[in-house]
């Protein structure tokens, strides 16, 4: 199986598990889920991530993830991958990352998935945070 096939296979599994869930379904997941638009604006933010980051959903939605919510993620390892994924309209990456919160340091695994829509401007990037 080539890399592109692996990427599609992973996306299919992810699609079944998360892409089609409503807010209640996203909130039921045992890991953080954040949906971003192509500019990095937060479109959805599940309950698990709300509790871990100690940031209320209403304070996060509509803000830029990389500048307003988690400026520590504006590094090549995270933001660089996001930008490349936006440019290529393809992204399936998992990597270790450390979030530094006032209340704790959080070592996590981050997965980024690009989800194409009928129109490019409606494409999204899903961020899964485990740990």
C-alpha atoms as a PDB file:
ATOM      1  CA  UNK A   1       0.000   0.000   0.000  1.00  0.00           C
ATOM      2  CA  UNK A   2       1.447   3.392  -0.942  1.00  0.00           C
ATOM      3  CA  UNK A   3       1.381   6.492   1.263  1.00  0.00           C
ATOM      4  CA  UNK A   4      -1.627   7.989  -0.491  1.00  0.00           C
ATOM      5  CA  UNK A   5      -3.631   4.781   0.069  1.00  0.00           C
ATOM      6  CA  UNK A   6      -2.637   4.734   3.743  1.00  0.00           C
ATOM      7  CA  UNK A   7      -3.760   8.328   4.043  1.00  0.00           C
ATOM      8  CA  UNK A   8      -7.134   7.575   2.459  1.00  0.00           C
ATOM      9  CA  UNK A   9      -7.617   4.506   4.621  1.00  0.00           C
ATOM     10  CA  UNK A  10      -6.912   6.467   7.770  1.00  0.00           C
ATOM     11  CA  UNK A  11      -9.246   9.225   6.642  1.00  0.00           C
ATOM     12  CA  UNK A  12     -12.045   6.697   6.067  1.00  0.00           C
ATOM     13  CA  UNK A  13     -11.641   5.280   9.550  1.00  0.00           C
ATOM     14  CA  UNK A  14     -11.503   8.790  10.991  1.00  0.00           C
ATOM     15  CA  UNK A  15     -14.488   9.883   8.916  1.00  0.00           C
ATOM     16  CA  UNK A  16     -16.649   7.105  10.342  1.00  0.00           C
ATOM     17  CA  UNK A  17     -15.580   7.901  13.883  1.00  0.00           C
ATOM     18  CA  UNK A  18     -15.599  11.690  14.016  1.00  0.00           C
ATOM     19  CA  UNK A  19     -16.325  13.719  10.863  1.00  0.00           C
ATOM     20  CA  UNK A  20     -20.049  13.041  10.946  1.00  0.00           C
ATOM     21  CA  UNK A  21     -20.653  13.396  14.685  1.00  0.00           C
ATOM     22  CA  UNK A  22     -22.780  16.218  16.008  1.00  0.00           C
ATOM     23  CA  UNK A  23     -21.707  18.300  19.019  1.00  0.00           C
ATOM     24  CA  UNK A  24     -23.094  15.746  21.476  1.00  0.00           C
ATOM     25  CA  UNK A  25     -21.209  12.926  19.732  1.00  0.00           C
ATOM     26  CA  UNK A  26     -17.973  14.931  19.737  1.00  0.00           C
ATOM     27  CA  UNK A  27     -18.458  15.692  23.439  1.00  0.00           C
ATOM     28  CA  UNK A  28     -18.777  11.966  24.191  1.00  0.00           C
ATOM     29  CA  UNK A  29     -15.265  11.207  22.862  1.00  0.00           C
ATOM     30  CA  UNK A  30     -12.467  10.473  25.383  1.00  0.00           C
ATOM     31  CA  UNK A  31      -9.950  12.818  23.718  1.00  0.00           C
ATOM     32  CA  UNK A  32      -9.775  16.414  22.544  1.00  0.00           C
ATOM     33  CA  UNK A  33     -11.313  17.317  19.190  1.00  0.00           C
ATOM     34  CA  UNK A  34     -10.985  20.721  17.579  1.00  0.00           C
ATOM     35  CA  UNK A  35     -12.239  21.585  14.104  1.00  0.00           C
ATOM     36  CA  UNK A  36     -10.527  24.466  12.301  1.00  0.00           C
ATOM     37  CA  UNK A  37     -11.317  26.262   9.087  1.00  0.00           C
ATOM     38  CA  UNK A  38      -8.603  26.925   6.504  1.00  0.00           C
ATOM     39  CA  UNK A  39      -7.549  30.092   8.363  1.00  0.00           C
ATOM     40  CA  UNK A  40      -7.161  28.323  11.714  1.00  0.00           C
ATOM     41  CA  UNK A  41     -10.417  29.649  13.172  1.00  0.00           C
ATOM     42  CA  UNK A  42     -12.002  27.272  15.699  1.00  0.00           C
ATOM     43  CA  UNK A  43     -15.311  25.882  14.404  1.00  0.00           C
ATOM     44  CA  UNK A  44     -15.873  23.231  17.075  1.00  0.00           C
ATOM     45  CA  UNK A  45     -14.254  22.390  20.388  1.00  0.00           C
ATOM     46  CA  UNK A  46     -15.374  19.352  22.323  1.00  0.00           C
ATOM     47  CA  UNK A  47     -16.051  18.955  26.034  1.00  0.00           C
ATOM     48  CA  UNK A  48     -12.943  16.832  26.718  1.00  0.00           C
ATOM     49  CA  UNK A  49     -10.670  19.533  25.331  1.00  0.00           C
ATOM     50  CA  UNK A  50     -12.647  22.215  27.133  1.00  0.00           C
ATOM     51  CA  UNK A  51     -11.984  20.424  30.444  1.00  0.00           C
ATOM     52  CA  UNK A  52      -8.313  19.650  29.766  1.00  0.00           C
ATOM     53  CA  UNK A  53      -7.424  23.151  28.587  1.00  0.00           C
ATOM     54  CA  UNK A  54      -9.780  24.815  31.068  1.00  0.00           C
ATOM     55  CA  UNK A  55     -11.160  27.014  28.314  1.00  0.00           C
ATOM     56  CA  UNK A  56     -14.897  27.353  27.793  1.00  0.00           C
ATOM     57  CA  UNK A  57     -16.178  26.581  24.329  1.00  0.00           C
ATOM     58  CA  UNK A  58     -17.893  29.954  24.016  1.00  0.00           C
ATOM     59  CA  UNK A  59     -14.533  31.665  24.659  1.00  0.00           C
ATOM     60  CA  UNK A  60     -12.774  29.619  21.957  1.00  0.00           C
ATOM     61  CA  UNK A  61     -15.219  29.353  19.061  1.00  0.00           C
ATOM     62  CA  UNK A  62     -14.562  31.877  16.311  1.00  0.00           C
ATOM     63  CA  UNK A  63     -11.035  32.636  17.484  1.00  0.00           C
ATOM     64  CA  UNK A  64      -7.804  31.721  15.739  1.00  0.00           C
ATOM     65  CA  UNK A  65      -6.306  28.585  17.283  1.00  0.00           C
ATOM     66  CA  UNK A  66      -2.700  29.482  16.461  1.00  0.00           C
ATOM     67  CA  UNK A  67      -2.724  33.109  17.632  1.00  0.00           C
ATOM     68  CA  UNK A  68      -5.544  33.468  20.182  1.00  0.00           C
ATOM     69  CA  UNK A  69      -5.995  30.014  21.753  1.00  0.00           C
ATOM     70  CA  UNK A  70      -2.695  28.120  21.612  1.00  0.00           C
ATOM     71  CA  UNK A  71       0.101  30.433  20.451  1.00  0.00           C
ATOM     72  CA  UNK A  72       2.616  27.776  21.562  1.00  0.00           C
ATOM     73  CA  UNK A  73       1.391  25.719  18.579  1.00  0.00           C
ATOM     74  CA  UNK A  74       2.575  28.362  16.106  1.00  0.00           C
ATOM     75  CA  UNK A  75       5.759  26.412  15.392  1.00  0.00           C
ATOM     76  CA  UNK A  76       6.902  24.494  12.323  1.00  0.00           C
ATOM     77  CA  UNK A  77       6.051  21.130  13.880  1.00  0.00           C
ATOM     78  CA  UNK A  78       2.376  22.103  14.286  1.00  0.00           C
ATOM     79  CA  UNK A  79       1.513  25.293  12.381  1.00  0.00           C
ATOM     80  CA  UNK A  80       3.927  24.465   9.579  1.00  0.00           C
ATOM     81  CA  UNK A  81       2.172  21.145   9.003  1.00  0.00           C
ATOM     82  CA  UNK A  82      -1.199  22.896   9.119  1.00  0.00           C
ATOM     83  CA  UNK A  83      -0.122  25.435   6.466  1.00  0.00           C
ATOM     84  CA  UNK A  84       1.339  22.748   4.208  1.00  0.00           C
ATOM     85  CA  UNK A  85      -1.870  20.722   4.550  1.00  0.00           C
ATOM     86  CA  UNK A  86      -3.938  23.774   3.611  1.00  0.00           C
ATOM     87  CA  UNK A  87      -1.739  24.405   0.587  1.00  0.00           C
ATOM     88  CA  UNK A  88      -1.879  20.775  -0.593  1.00  0.00           C
ATOM     89  CA  UNK A  89      -5.482  20.140   0.568  1.00  0.00           C
ATOM     90  CA  UNK A  90      -4.185  16.953   2.170  1.00  0.00           C
ATOM     91  CA  UNK A  91      -3.017  16.306   5.705  1.00  0.00           C
ATOM     92  CA  UNK A  92      -2.728  13.219   7.849  1.00  0.00           C
ATOM     93  CA  UNK A  93      -0.051  13.644  10.502  1.00  0.00           C
ATOM     94  CA  UNK A  94       0.466  12.528  14.095  1.00  0.00           C
ATOM     95  CA  UNK A  95       3.222  13.878  16.341  1.00  0.00           C
ATOM     96  CA  UNK A  96       4.086  14.479  19.963  1.00  0.00           C
ATOM     97  CA  UNK A  97       3.570  17.968  21.359  1.00  0.00           C
ATOM     98  CA  UNK A  98       3.709  19.795  24.689  1.00  0.00           C
ATOM     99  CA  UNK A  99       1.069  22.342  25.657  1.00  0.00           C
ATOM    100  CA  UNK A 100       2.029  24.668  28.495  1.00  0.00           C
ATOM    101  CA  UNK A 101      -1.001  25.783  30.490  1.00  0.00           C
ATOM    102  CA  UNK A 102      -0.948  27.936  33.627  1.00  0.00           C
ATOM    103  CA  UNK A 103      -2.391  24.968  35.538  1.00  0.00           C
ATOM    104  CA  UNK A 104      -0.179  22.201  34.042  1.00  0.00           C
ATOM    105  CA  UNK A 105       2.104  21.023  31.272  1.00  0.00           C
ATOM    106  CA  UNK A 106       0.372  18.583  28.974  1.00  0.00           C
ATOM    107  CA  UNK A 107       2.346  16.066  26.872  1.00  0.00           C
ATOM    108  CA  UNK A 108       0.084  14.853  24.092  1.00  0.00           C
ATOM    109  CA  UNK A 109      -0.113  13.178  20.727  1.00  0.00           C
ATOM    110  CA  UNK A 110      -1.654  15.475  18.124  1.00  0.00           C
ATOM    111  CA  UNK A 111      -3.254  14.194  14.935  1.00  0.00           C
ATOM    112  CA  UNK A 112      -4.130  16.580  12.110  1.00  0.00           C
ATOM    113  CA  UNK A 113      -6.564  15.519   9.391  1.00  0.00           C
ATOM    114  CA  UNK A 114      -7.642  17.513   6.356  1.00  0.00           C
ATOM    115  CA  UNK A 115     -11.282  17.123   5.348  1.00  0.00           C
ATOM    116  CA  UNK A 116     -12.142  18.267   1.841  1.00  0.00           C
ATOM    117  CA  UNK A 117     -15.535  19.807   1.150  1.00  0.00           C
ATOM    118  CA  UNK A 118     -17.366  20.508  -2.099  1.00  0.00           C
ATOM    119  CA  UNK A 119     -15.809  23.989  -2.150  1.00  0.00           C
ATOM    120  CA  UNK A 120     -12.239  24.702  -1.031  1.00  0.00           C
ATOM    121  CA  UNK A 121     -13.313  27.516   1.296  1.00  0.00           C
ATOM    122  CA  UNK A 122     -15.397  24.992   3.260  1.00  0.00           C
ATOM    123  CA  UNK A 123     -12.513  22.528   3.809  1.00  0.00           C
ATOM    124  CA  UNK A 124     -11.587  21.932   7.446  1.00  0.00           C
ATOM    125  CA  UNK A 125      -8.735  20.576   9.507  1.00  0.00           C
ATOM    126  CA  UNK A 126      -9.526  18.340  12.452  1.00  0.00           C
ATOM    127  CA  UNK A 127      -7.175  18.319  15.424  1.00  0.00           C
ATOM    128  CA  UNK A 128      -7.270  15.311  17.751  1.00  0.00           C
ATOM    129  CA  UNK A 129      -5.430  15.626  21.042  1.00  0.00           C
ATOM    130  CA  UNK A 130      -4.730  12.509  23.096  1.00  0.00           C
ATOM    131  CA  UNK A 131      -3.010  12.507  26.428  1.00  0.00           C
END
